[in-house]
C-alpha atoms as a PDB file:
ATOM      1  CA  MET A   1      12.405 -22.455   7.148  1.00  0.00           C
ATOM      2  CA  THR A   2      11.607 -22.553   3.431  1.00  0.00           C
ATOM      3  CA  GLU A   3       8.751 -20.292   2.349  1.00  0.00           C
ATOM      4  CA  THR A   4       6.816 -20.601  -0.893  1.00  0.00           C
ATOM      5  CA  MET A   5       4.857 -17.733  -2.407  1.00  0.00           C
ATOM      6  CA  LEU A   6       1.665 -19.793  -2.677  1.00  0.00           C
ATOM      7  CA  GLY A   7       1.978 -21.181   0.848  1.00  0.00           C
ATOM      8  CA  THR A   8       2.571 -17.737   2.348  1.00  0.00           C
ATOM      9  CA  ALA A   9      -0.289 -16.197   0.358  1.00  0.00           C
ATOM     10  CA  LEU A  10      -2.667 -18.890   1.629  1.00  0.00           C
ATOM     11  CA  ALA A  11      -1.403 -18.390   5.184  1.00  0.00           C
ATOM     12  CA  PHE A  12      -2.149 -14.650   5.059  1.00  0.00           C
ATOM     13  CA  ALA A  13      -5.611 -15.430   3.653  1.00  0.00           C
ATOM     14  CA  ARG A  14      -6.311 -17.845   6.518  1.00  0.00           C
ATOM     15  CA  HIS A  15      -5.690 -14.915   8.864  1.00  0.00           C
ATOM     16  CA  GLY A  16      -8.286 -12.900   6.938  1.00  0.00           C
ATOM     17  CA  LEU A  17      -5.706 -10.744   5.143  1.00  0.00           C
ATOM     18  CA  ALA A  18      -6.380 -10.358   1.423  1.00  0.00           C
ATOM     19  CA  VAL A  19      -3.550 -10.860  -1.084  1.00  0.00           C
ATOM     20  CA  PHE A  20      -2.897 -10.132  -4.759  1.00  0.00           C
ATOM     21  CA  PRO A  21      -0.059 -10.543  -7.307  1.00  0.00           C
ATOM     22  CA  LEU A  22       2.609  -7.896  -7.859  1.00  0.00           C
ATOM     23  CA  HIS A  23       5.159  -7.559 -10.620  1.00  0.00           C
ATOM     24  CA  TYR A  24       8.543  -9.161  -9.945  1.00  0.00           C
ATOM     25  CA  PRO A  25      12.217  -8.877 -10.990  1.00  0.00           C
ATOM     26  CA  VAL A  26      13.278 -10.476 -14.289  1.00  0.00           C
ATOM     27  CA  GLU A  27      16.633 -10.674 -16.024  1.00  0.00           C
ATOM     28  CA  HIS A  28      16.847  -8.920 -19.394  1.00  0.00           C
ATOM     29  CA  ASN A  29      20.057  -8.489 -21.394  1.00  0.00           C
ATOM     30  CA  GLY A  30      22.125  -9.197 -18.321  1.00  0.00           C
ATOM     31  CA  GLN A  31      20.243  -6.675 -16.174  1.00  0.00           C
ATOM     32  CA  VAL A  32      17.452  -6.995 -13.629  1.00  0.00           C
ATOM     33  CA  ALA A  33      14.232  -5.191 -14.521  1.00  0.00           C
ATOM     34  CA  CYS A  34      10.575  -5.108 -13.508  1.00  0.00           C
ATOM     35  CA  SER A  35       8.422  -7.762 -15.175  1.00  0.00           C
ATOM     36  CA  CYS A  36       6.035  -5.059 -16.439  1.00  0.00           C
ATOM     37  CA  GLY A  37       8.664  -4.083 -19.022  1.00  0.00           C
ATOM     38  CA  ARG A  38       8.633  -0.383 -18.139  1.00  0.00           C
ATOM     39  CA  LEU A  39      10.889   1.947 -16.158  1.00  0.00           C
ATOM     40  CA  CYS A  40       9.148   1.963 -12.793  1.00  0.00           C
ATOM     41  CA  GLY A  41      11.531   3.800 -10.485  1.00  0.00           C
ATOM     42  CA  LYS A  42      10.824   3.139  -6.821  1.00  0.00           C
ATOM     43  CA  SER A  43       7.809   0.964  -7.606  1.00  0.00           C
ATOM     44  CA  ALA A  44       9.771  -1.603  -9.660  1.00  0.00           C
ATOM     45  CA  ALA A  45       8.713  -5.150  -8.713  1.00  0.00           C
ATOM     46  CA  LYS A  46       6.279  -3.659  -6.166  1.00  0.00           C
ATOM     47  CA  HIS A  47       3.228  -2.563  -8.157  1.00  0.00           C
ATOM     48  CA  PRO A  48       0.108  -4.640  -8.967  1.00  0.00           C
ATOM     49  CA  ASP A  49       0.113  -6.931 -11.981  1.00  0.00           C
ATOM     50  CA  ALA A  50      -2.877  -5.521 -13.893  1.00  0.00           C
ATOM     51  CA  ARG A  51      -3.415  -8.802 -15.758  1.00  0.00           C
ATOM     52  CA  TYR A  52      -4.550 -10.476 -12.536  1.00  0.00           C
ATOM     53  CA  ALA A  53      -5.201  -7.477 -10.265  1.00  0.00           C
ATOM     54  CA  PRO A  54      -6.871  -4.980 -12.650  1.00  0.00           C
ATOM     55  CA  ASN A  55      -8.146  -2.914  -9.715  1.00  0.00           C
ATOM     56  CA  GLY A  56      -4.857  -2.917  -7.844  1.00  0.00           C
ATOM     57  CA  VAL A  57      -5.180  -3.528  -4.130  1.00  0.00           C
ATOM     58  CA  HIS A  58      -8.972  -3.680  -4.574  1.00  0.00           C
ATOM     59  CA  SER A  59      -8.480  -6.966  -6.443  1.00  0.00           C
ATOM     60  CA  ALA A  60      -7.020  -8.552  -3.291  1.00  0.00           C
ATOM     61  CA  THR A  61      -8.826 -11.664  -2.077  1.00  0.00           C
ATOM     62  CA  ILE A  62      -8.862 -14.303   0.648  1.00  0.00           C
ATOM     63  CA  GLU A  63     -10.474 -16.878  -1.668  1.00  0.00           C
ATOM     64  CA  SER A  64      -8.138 -19.882  -1.694  1.00  0.00           C
ATOM     65  CA  GLY A  65      -9.258 -21.008  -5.157  1.00  0.00           C
ATOM     66  CA  ILE A  66      -8.284 -17.695  -6.743  1.00  0.00           C
ATOM     67  CA  ILE A  67      -5.010 -17.585  -4.817  1.00  0.00           C
ATOM     68  CA  LYS A  68      -4.118 -21.101  -6.001  1.00  0.00           C
ATOM     69  CA  LEU A  69      -4.977 -20.095  -9.561  1.00  0.00           C
ATOM     70  CA  TRP A  70      -2.689 -17.045  -9.361  1.00  0.00           C
ATOM     71  CA  TRP A  71       0.421 -18.483  -7.692  1.00  0.00           C
ATOM     72  CA  GLY A  72      -0.170 -22.152  -8.442  1.00  0.00           C
ATOM     73  CA  LEU A  73      -0.818 -21.812 -12.182  1.00  0.00           C
ATOM     74  CA  ARG A  74      -1.004 -18.375 -13.816  1.00  0.00           C
ATOM     75  CA  VAL A  75       1.943 -16.431 -12.362  1.00  0.00           C
ATOM     76  CA  PRO A  76       3.805 -18.505  -9.722  1.00  0.00           C
ATOM     77  CA  GLU A  77       6.788 -16.122  -9.820  1.00  0.00           C
ATOM     78  CA  ALA A  78       4.693 -13.034  -8.901  1.00  0.00           C
ATOM     79  CA  ASN A  79       5.617 -11.068  -5.814  1.00  0.00           C
ATOM     80  CA  LEU A  80       3.124 -11.119  -2.962  1.00  0.00           C
ATOM     81  CA  GLY A  81       1.072  -8.045  -2.085  1.00  0.00           C
ATOM     82  CA  VAL A  82      -0.911  -8.010   1.174  1.00  0.00           C
ATOM     83  CA  ALA A  83      -3.732  -5.485   1.599  1.00  0.00           C
ATOM     84  CA  THR A  84      -3.397  -3.571   4.877  1.00  0.00           C
ATOM     85  CA  ASP A  85      -7.037  -2.575   5.441  1.00  0.00           C
ATOM     86  CA  LYS A  86      -7.085  -4.715   8.611  1.00  0.00           C
ATOM     87  CA  LEU A  87      -3.535  -3.855   9.637  1.00  0.00           C
ATOM     88  CA  VAL A  88      -1.430  -0.988  10.903  1.00  0.00           C
ATOM     89  CA  VAL A  89       2.059  -1.543   9.474  1.00  0.00           C
ATOM     90  CA  VAL A  90       4.960   0.576  10.663  1.00  0.00           C
ATOM     91  CA  ASP A  91       7.275   0.836   7.654  1.00  0.00           C
ATOM     92  CA  VAL A  92      10.823   1.733   8.690  1.00  0.00           C
ATOM     93  CA  ASP A  93      13.010   3.116   5.882  1.00  0.00           C
ATOM     94  CA  PRO A  94      16.639   3.561   7.025  1.00  0.00           C
ATOM     95  CA  ARG A  95      17.485   5.522   3.857  1.00  0.00           C
ATOM     96  CA  HIS A  96      15.467   8.446   5.228  1.00  0.00           C
ATOM     97  CA  GLY A  97      16.381   8.162   8.916  1.00  0.00           C
ATOM     98  CA  GLY A  98      13.735   5.608   9.801  1.00  0.00           C
ATOM     99  CA  ASP A  99      16.054   3.503  11.986  1.00  0.00           C
ATOM    100  CA  GLU A 100      16.831   6.462  14.234  1.00  0.00           C
ATOM    101  CA  SER A 101      13.166   7.508  14.397  1.00  0.00           C
ATOM    102  CA  PHE A 102      12.055   3.983  15.308  1.00  0.00           C
ATOM    103  CA  ARG A 103      14.725   3.679  18.024  1.00  0.00           C
ATOM    104  CA  ALA A 104      13.315   6.885  19.512  1.00  0.00           C
ATOM    105  CA  LEU A 105       9.831   5.329  19.501  1.00  0.00           C
ATOM    106  CA  GLU A 106      11.182   2.206  21.217  1.00  0.00           C
ATOM    107  CA  ARG A 107      12.773   4.338  23.956  1.00  0.00           C
ATOM    108  CA  GLU A 108       9.501   6.171  24.534  1.00  0.00           C
ATOM    109  CA  HIS A 109       6.982   3.343  24.146  1.00  0.00           C
ATOM    110  CA  GLU A 110       6.659  -0.394  24.578  1.00  0.00           C
ATOM    111  CA  ILE A 111       6.625  -2.250  21.245  1.00  0.00           C
ATOM    112  CA  PRO A 112       4.752  -5.531  21.806  1.00  0.00           C
ATOM    113  CA  PRO A 113       6.000  -8.723  20.144  1.00  0.00           C
ATOM    114  CA  THR A 114       4.293  -9.111  16.779  1.00  0.00           C
ATOM    115  CA  TRP A 115       4.931 -10.059  13.149  1.00  0.00           C
ATOM    116  CA  ARG A 116       7.972  -8.374  11.606  1.00  0.00           C
ATOM    117  CA  THR A 117       9.561  -8.668   8.191  1.00  0.00           C
ATOM    118  CA  LEU A 118      12.801  -7.419   6.704  1.00  0.00           C
ATOM    119  CA  THR A 119      12.234  -5.674   3.391  1.00  0.00           C
ATOM    120  CA  GLY A 120      14.324  -6.174   0.276  1.00  0.00           C
ATOM    121  CA  GLY A 121      15.317  -2.495   0.432  1.00  0.00           C
ATOM    122  CA  GLY A 122      16.934  -2.867   3.867  1.00  0.00           C
ATOM    123  CA  GLY A 123      13.998  -1.647   5.958  1.00  0.00           C
ATOM    124  CA  GLU A 124      11.507  -3.348   8.245  1.00  0.00           C
ATOM    125  CA  HIS A 125       7.742  -3.831   8.464  1.00  0.00           C
ATOM    126  CA  ILE A 126       6.265  -4.098  11.970  1.00  0.00           C
ATOM    127  CA  MET A 127       2.681  -5.366  11.682  1.00  0.00           C
ATOM    128  CA  PHE A 128      -0.223  -4.863  14.070  1.00  0.00           C
ATOM    129  CA  ALA A 129      -3.909  -5.692  13.874  1.00  0.00           C
ATOM    130  CA  CYS A 130      -6.067  -2.589  13.483  1.00  0.00           C
ATOM    131  CA  PRO A 131      -8.744  -2.396  16.226  1.00  0.00           C
ATOM    132  CA  ASP A 132     -12.365  -2.735  15.114  1.00  0.00           C
ATOM    133  CA  GLY A 133     -14.098   0.570  14.568  1.00  0.00           C
ATOM    134  CA  ILE A 134     -10.845   2.497  14.069  1.00  0.00           C
ATOM    135  CA  GLU A 135      -9.865   3.767  10.624  1.00  0.00           C
ATOM    136  CA  ILE A 136      -6.171   4.480  10.138  1.00  0.00           C
ATOM    137  CA  LYS A 137      -5.000   5.868   6.822  1.00  0.00           C
ATOM    138  CA  CYS A 138      -1.620   5.457   5.165  1.00  0.00           C
ATOM    139  CA  VAL A 139       1.161   7.898   6.025  1.00  0.00           C
ATOM    140  CA  VAL A 140       4.016   8.786   3.668  1.00  0.00           C
ATOM    141  CA  ALA A 141       6.543  10.530   5.919  1.00  0.00           C
ATOM    142  CA  GLU A 142       8.478  12.020   3.019  1.00  0.00           C
ATOM    143  CA  GLN A 143       5.421  14.079   2.046  1.00  0.00           C
ATOM    144  CA  MET A 144       4.878  15.579   5.512  1.00  0.00           C
ATOM    145  CA  LYS A 145       6.624  18.308   7.471  1.00  0.00           C
ATOM    146  CA  GLU A 146       6.051  16.526  10.794  1.00  0.00           C
ATOM    147  CA  PRO A 147       5.399  12.802  10.272  1.00  0.00           C
ATOM    148  CA  PRO A 148       3.519  11.317  13.262  1.00  0.00           C
ATOM    149  CA  LEU A 149       6.145   8.604  13.819  1.00  0.00           C
ATOM    150  CA  GLY A 150       9.185  10.604  12.719  1.00  0.00           C
ATOM    151  CA  PRO A 151      11.213  10.952   9.508  1.00  0.00           C
ATOM    152  CA  GLY A 152      11.620   7.760   7.512  1.00  0.00           C
ATOM    153  CA  VAL A 153       8.724   5.943   9.206  1.00  0.00           C
ATOM    154  CA  ASP A 154       5.686   5.415   6.972  1.00  0.00           C
ATOM    155  CA  VAL A 155       2.427   3.718   7.851  1.00  0.00           C
ATOM    156  CA  ARG A 156       0.550   1.250   5.654  1.00  0.00           C
ATOM    157  CA  ALA A 157      -3.080   0.904   6.662  1.00  0.00           C
ATOM    158  CA  ARG A 158      -6.488   1.412   5.035  1.00  0.00           C
ATOM    159  CA  GLY A 159      -6.245   1.500   1.243  1.00  0.00           C
ATOM    160  CA  GLY A 160      -2.591   0.429   1.197  1.00  0.00           C
ATOM    161  CA  TYR A 161      -0.550  -2.720   0.874  1.00  0.00           C
ATOM    162  CA  ILE A 162       2.864  -4.146   1.653  1.00  0.00           C
ATOM    163  CA  VAL A 163       5.199  -6.477  -0.210  1.00  0.00           C
ATOM    164  CA  ALA A 164       5.484  -9.665   1.835  1.00  0.00           C
ATOM    165  CA  PRO A 165       8.018 -12.513   2.103  1.00  0.00           C
ATOM    166  CA  PRO A 166       9.297 -14.366   0.192  1.00  0.00           C
ATOM    167  CA  SER A 167       8.956 -11.719  -2.553  1.00  0.00           C
ATOM    168  CA  ARG A 168      12.077 -10.595  -4.401  1.00  0.00           C
ATOM    169  CA  HIS A 169      13.287  -6.991  -4.425  1.00  0.00           C
ATOM    170  CA  ILE A 170      14.590  -5.393  -7.603  1.00  0.00           C
ATOM    171  CA  SER A 171      18.011  -5.257  -5.876  1.00  0.00           C
ATOM    172  CA  GLY A 172      18.148  -9.054  -5.847  1.00  0.00           C
ATOM    173  CA  ARG A 173      17.503  -9.381  -2.125  1.00  0.00           C
ATOM    174  CA  SER A 174      14.449 -11.171  -0.790  1.00  0.00           C
ATOM    175  CA  TYR A 175      11.870 -10.062   1.743  1.00  0.00           C
ATOM    176  CA  ALA A 176      12.143 -12.277   4.835  1.00  0.00           C
ATOM    177  CA  TRP A 177      10.642 -12.792   8.266  1.00  0.00           C
ATOM    178  CA  SER A 178      12.581 -11.279  11.137  1.00  0.00           C
ATOM    179  CA  VAL A 179      14.069 -13.781  13.597  1.00  0.00           C
ATOM    180  CA  ASP A 180      11.551 -14.690  16.341  1.00  0.00           C
ATOM    181  CA  HIS A 181       8.806 -12.654  14.635  1.00  0.00           C
ATOM    182  CA  HIS A 182       7.441 -15.250  12.197  1.00  0.00           C
ATOM    183  CA  PRO A 183       3.684 -15.977  12.523  1.00  0.00           C
ATOM    184  CA  GLN A 184       4.626 -19.489  13.647  1.00  0.00           C
ATOM    185  CA  GLU A 185       6.591 -17.970  16.539  1.00  0.00           C
ATOM    186  CA  VAL A 186       4.470 -15.011  17.641  1.00  0.00           C
ATOM    187  CA  SER A 187       0.878 -13.802  17.292  1.00  0.00           C
ATOM    188  CA  LEU A 188      -0.172 -10.676  15.437  1.00  0.00           C
ATOM    189  CA  ALA A 189      -0.476  -8.093  18.217  1.00  0.00           C
ATOM    190  CA  PRO A 190      -3.197  -5.442  18.293  1.00  0.00           C
ATOM    191  CA  ALA A 191      -1.903  -1.951  17.552  1.00  0.00           C
ATOM    192  CA  PRO A 192      -0.875  -0.393  20.893  1.00  0.00           C
ATOM    193  CA  ASP A 193      -2.912   2.506  22.219  1.00  0.00           C
ATOM    194  CA  TRP A 194      -0.066   5.012  21.888  1.00  0.00           C
ATOM    195  CA  LEU A 195       0.307   4.186  18.175  1.00  0.00           C
ATOM    196  CA  ILE A 196      -3.426   4.548  17.498  1.00  0.00           C
ATOM    197  CA  ALA A 197      -3.457   7.832  19.407  1.00  0.00           C
ATOM    198  CA  ARG A 198      -0.583   9.254  17.375  1.00  0.00           C
ATOM    199  CA  LEU A 199      -2.089   8.263  14.047  1.00  0.00           C
ATOM    200  CA  THR A 200      -5.671   9.324  14.781  1.00  0.00           C
ATOM    201  CA  THR A 201      -4.491  12.657  16.204  1.00  0.00           C
ATOM    202  CA  ALA A 202      -2.450  13.276  13.055  1.00  0.00           C
ATOM    203  CA  ARG A 203      -5.448  12.445  10.890  1.00  0.00           C
ATOM    204  CA  GLY A 204      -7.797  14.712  12.797  1.00  0.00           C
ATOM    205  CA  SER A 205      -5.494  17.722  13.115  1.00  0.00           C
ATOM    206  CA  ASN A 206      -7.884  20.003  11.247  1.00  0.00           C
ATOM    207  CA  GLY A 207     -10.718  19.853  13.741  1.00  0.00           C
ATOM    208  CA  GLY A 208     -11.640  16.218  13.193  1.00  0.00           C
ATOM    209  CA  LYS A 209     -12.624  16.729   9.563  1.00  0.00           C
ATOM    210  CA  GLY A 210      -9.960  14.456   8.103  1.00  0.00           C
ATOM    211  CA  HIS A 211      -6.962  15.588   6.101  1.00  0.00           C
ATOM    212  CA  ASP A 212      -6.212  19.295   5.808  1.00  0.00           C
ATOM    213  CA  PRO A 213      -7.303  20.292   2.258  1.00  0.00           C
ATOM    214  CA  ALA A 214      -4.237  22.518   1.868  1.00  0.00           C
ATOM    215  CA  GLN A 215      -1.904  19.636   2.801  1.00  0.00           C
ATOM    216  CA  TRP A 216      -3.815  17.299   0.487  1.00  0.00           C
ATOM    217  CA  ALA A 217      -3.528  19.739  -2.442  1.00  0.00           C
ATOM    218  CA  ALA A 218       0.182  20.303  -1.766  1.00  0.00           C
ATOM    219  CA  ARG A 219       0.798  16.569  -1.792  1.00  0.00           C
ATOM    220  CA  LYS A 220      -1.071  16.145  -5.072  1.00  0.00           C
ATOM    221  CA  ALA A 221       1.019  18.923  -6.611  1.00  0.00           C
ATOM    222  CA  GLY A 222       4.238  16.978  -6.053  1.00  0.00           C
ATOM    223  CA  LYS A 223       5.637  13.865  -7.688  1.00  0.00           C
ATOM    224  CA  ILE A 224       4.037  10.561  -6.679  1.00  0.00           C
ATOM    225  CA  SER A 225       6.106   7.407  -7.044  1.00  0.00           C
ATOM    226  CA  GLU A 226       4.399   5.011  -4.618  1.00  0.00           C
ATOM    227  CA  TYR A 227       0.788   3.764  -4.558  1.00  0.00           C
ATOM    228  CA  ARG A 228       0.029   5.694  -7.729  1.00  0.00           C
ATOM    229  CA  ASP A 229      -3.165   3.705  -8.308  1.00  0.00           C
ATOM    230  CA  ARG A 230      -4.476   4.660  -4.858  1.00  0.00           C
ATOM    231  CA  GLU A 231      -3.577   8.326  -5.383  1.00  0.00           C
ATOM    232  CA  ILE A 232      -5.385   8.385  -8.745  1.00  0.00           C
ATOM    233  CA  ALA A 233      -8.470   6.763  -7.216  1.00  0.00           C
ATOM    234  CA  GLU A 234      -8.495   9.314  -4.389  1.00  0.00           C
ATOM    235  CA  LEU A 235      -8.157  12.227  -6.832  1.00  0.00           C
ATOM    236  CA  ALA A 236     -10.944  10.902  -9.057  1.00  0.00           C
ATOM    237  CA  GLY A 237     -13.267  10.469  -6.081  1.00  0.00           C
ATOM    238  CA  LYS A 238     -12.728  14.006  -4.796  1.00  0.00           C
ATOM    239  CA  LEU A 239     -13.225  15.568  -8.227  1.00  0.00           C
ATOM    240  CA  LEU A 240     -16.340  13.528  -8.980  1.00  0.00           C
ATOM    241  CA  ARG A 241     -17.916  14.730  -5.737  1.00  0.00           C
ATOM    242  CA  ALA A 242     -17.646  18.322  -6.986  1.00  0.00           C
ATOM    243  CA  ILE A 243     -21.162  18.517  -8.459  1.00  0.00           C
ATOM    244  CA  SER A 244     -20.230  21.154 -11.023  1.00  0.00           C
ATOM    245  CA  LEU A 245     -17.733  18.899 -12.801  1.00  0.00           C
ATOM    246  CA  ASP A 246     -18.783  16.644 -15.668  1.00  0.00           C
ATOM    247  CA  PRO A 247     -17.329  13.092 -15.407  1.00  0.00           C
ATOM    248  CA  ARG A 248     -15.835  13.380 -18.898  1.00  0.00           C
ATOM    249  CA  PHE A 249     -13.966  16.509 -17.828  1.00  0.00           C
ATOM    250  CA  VAL A 250     -12.856  14.799 -14.600  1.00  0.00           C
ATOM    251  CA  ALA A 251     -11.472  11.903 -16.658  1.00  0.00           C
ATOM    252  CA  THR A 252      -9.378  14.374 -18.671  1.00  0.00           C
ATOM    253  CA  LEU A 253      -8.066  15.987 -15.469  1.00  0.00           C
ATOM    254  CA  VAL A 254      -7.171  12.607 -13.967  1.00  0.00           C
ATOM    255  CA  HIS A 255      -5.310  11.465 -17.082  1.00  0.00           C
ATOM    256  CA  ASP A 256      -3.422  14.780 -17.235  1.00  0.00           C
ATOM    257  CA  TRP A 257      -2.538  14.582 -13.534  1.00  0.00           C
ATOM    258  CA  ASN A 258      -1.190  11.065 -14.023  1.00  0.00           C
ATOM    259  CA  ALA A 259       0.998  12.238 -16.909  1.00  0.00           C
ATOM    260  CA  CYS A 260       2.375  15.222 -14.969  1.00  0.00           C
ATOM    261  CA  HIS A 261       2.646  13.968 -11.387  1.00  0.00           C
ATOM    262  CA  CYS A 262       3.031  10.180 -11.364  1.00  0.00           C
ATOM    263  CA  ASP A 263       6.656   9.076 -11.551  1.00  0.00           C
ATOM    264  CA  PRO A 264       6.494   7.153 -13.804  1.00  0.00           C
ATOM    265  CA  PRO A 265       2.933   7.626 -15.151  1.00  0.00           C
ATOM    266  CA  LEU A 266       0.607   4.653 -15.109  1.00  0.00           C
ATOM    267  CA  PRO A 267      -0.529   3.339 -18.519  1.00  0.00           C
ATOM    268  CA  GLU A 268      -3.582   5.218 -19.804  1.00  0.00           C
ATOM    269  CA  GLU A 269      -5.704   2.061 -19.913  1.00  0.00           C
ATOM    270  CA  GLU A 270      -4.930   1.375 -16.237  1.00  0.00           C
ATOM    271  CA  VAL A 271      -5.856   4.964 -15.314  1.00  0.00           C
ATOM    272  CA  GLN A 272      -9.143   4.606 -17.204  1.00  0.00           C
ATOM    273  CA  THR A 273      -9.905   1.334 -15.410  1.00  0.00           C
ATOM    274  CA  ILE A 274      -9.360   3.011 -12.040  1.00  0.00           C
ATOM    275  CA  PHE A 275     -11.494   5.993 -13.078  1.00  0.00           C
ATOM    276  CA  ASN A 276     -14.336   3.752 -14.283  1.00  0.00           C
ATOM    277  CA  ARG A 277     -14.307   1.875 -10.974  1.00  0.00           C
ATOM    278  CA  ILE A 278     -14.508   5.093  -8.952  1.00  0.00           C
ATOM    279  CA  CYS A 279     -17.321   6.366 -11.216  1.00  0.00           C
ATOM    280  CA  LYS A 280     -19.276   3.201 -10.493  1.00  0.00           C
ATOM    281  CA  LEU A 281     -18.740   3.576  -6.737  1.00  0.00           C
ATOM    282  CA  GLU A 282     -19.824   7.222  -6.868  1.00  0.00           C
ATOM    283  CA  ARG A 283     -22.996   6.314  -8.756  1.00  0.00           C
ATOM    284  CA  LYS A 284     -23.838   3.726  -6.100  1.00  0.00           C
ATOM    285  CA  ARG A 285     -23.186   6.291  -3.358  1.00  0.00           C
ATOM    286  CA  LEU A 286     -25.480   8.843  -5.004  1.00  0.00           C
ATOM    287  CA  GLU A 287     -28.209   6.245  -5.511  1.00  0.00           C
ATOM    288  CA  SER A 288     -27.919   5.229  -1.863  1.00  0.00           C
ATOM    289  CA  ASP A 289     -28.074   8.875  -0.679  1.00  0.00           C
ATOM    290  CA  HIS A 290     -31.097   9.506  -2.883  1.00  0.00           C
ATOM    291  CA  ALA A 291     -32.860   6.407  -1.565  1.00  0.00           C
END
């Protein structure tokens, strides 16, 4: 079954799942590099193309006209990012023990048939529909002492995204649908109750008030190599809500944090774009609260 980037992007959009263009592998002087032209580490050929997705995952759309413009005309070779706001994606990374952790989950729980893809890095994405009224946040197992699904098993959900077939990995391999788990073969299953329970319990472990501030601060003090745009947006939002901090000072802190903790740092203009967007959202929130 031959997949095209445009056709797959439109198919995701028909299911109500927003998509956006990512950078992609290119050959340069006999070597494969990220199309952004920078050293990107783990995010090579996985991060948003700011020319067409200036707000990262927040630029994702289900509008067919925009999707056709992106992959049909402007950047047909772009990798395909799928926003996971409406999904719960179990991201199995065998390099960090994810295979073993997922086998343990399969022994303990029933995994319903659903969409599955094989990633270019040798892992697997198992996709579920997120139930209405439930908010699941992304999980990066490597940054946690006790990941809810075990070592090497991340979760992509609200605020995150995945790289979808037939995107190309920087290694040269392609993302592909798992046998018998293509959307033409099986429906997208709702996230099972046991999975929702594990993820909501993990999120509410500090008395139902969301993430533990100490854990959040510890994570921000480390190196961030994935979803750097989301991490910067989250940091900006938290700092702007501290009423004693001037936005100009917050902007300085955010730029400095990007330079020290993002691996590699995002371009300053991209950081400023993210910060401006969060400022605008915070102003709207304050106006709404005041009203």
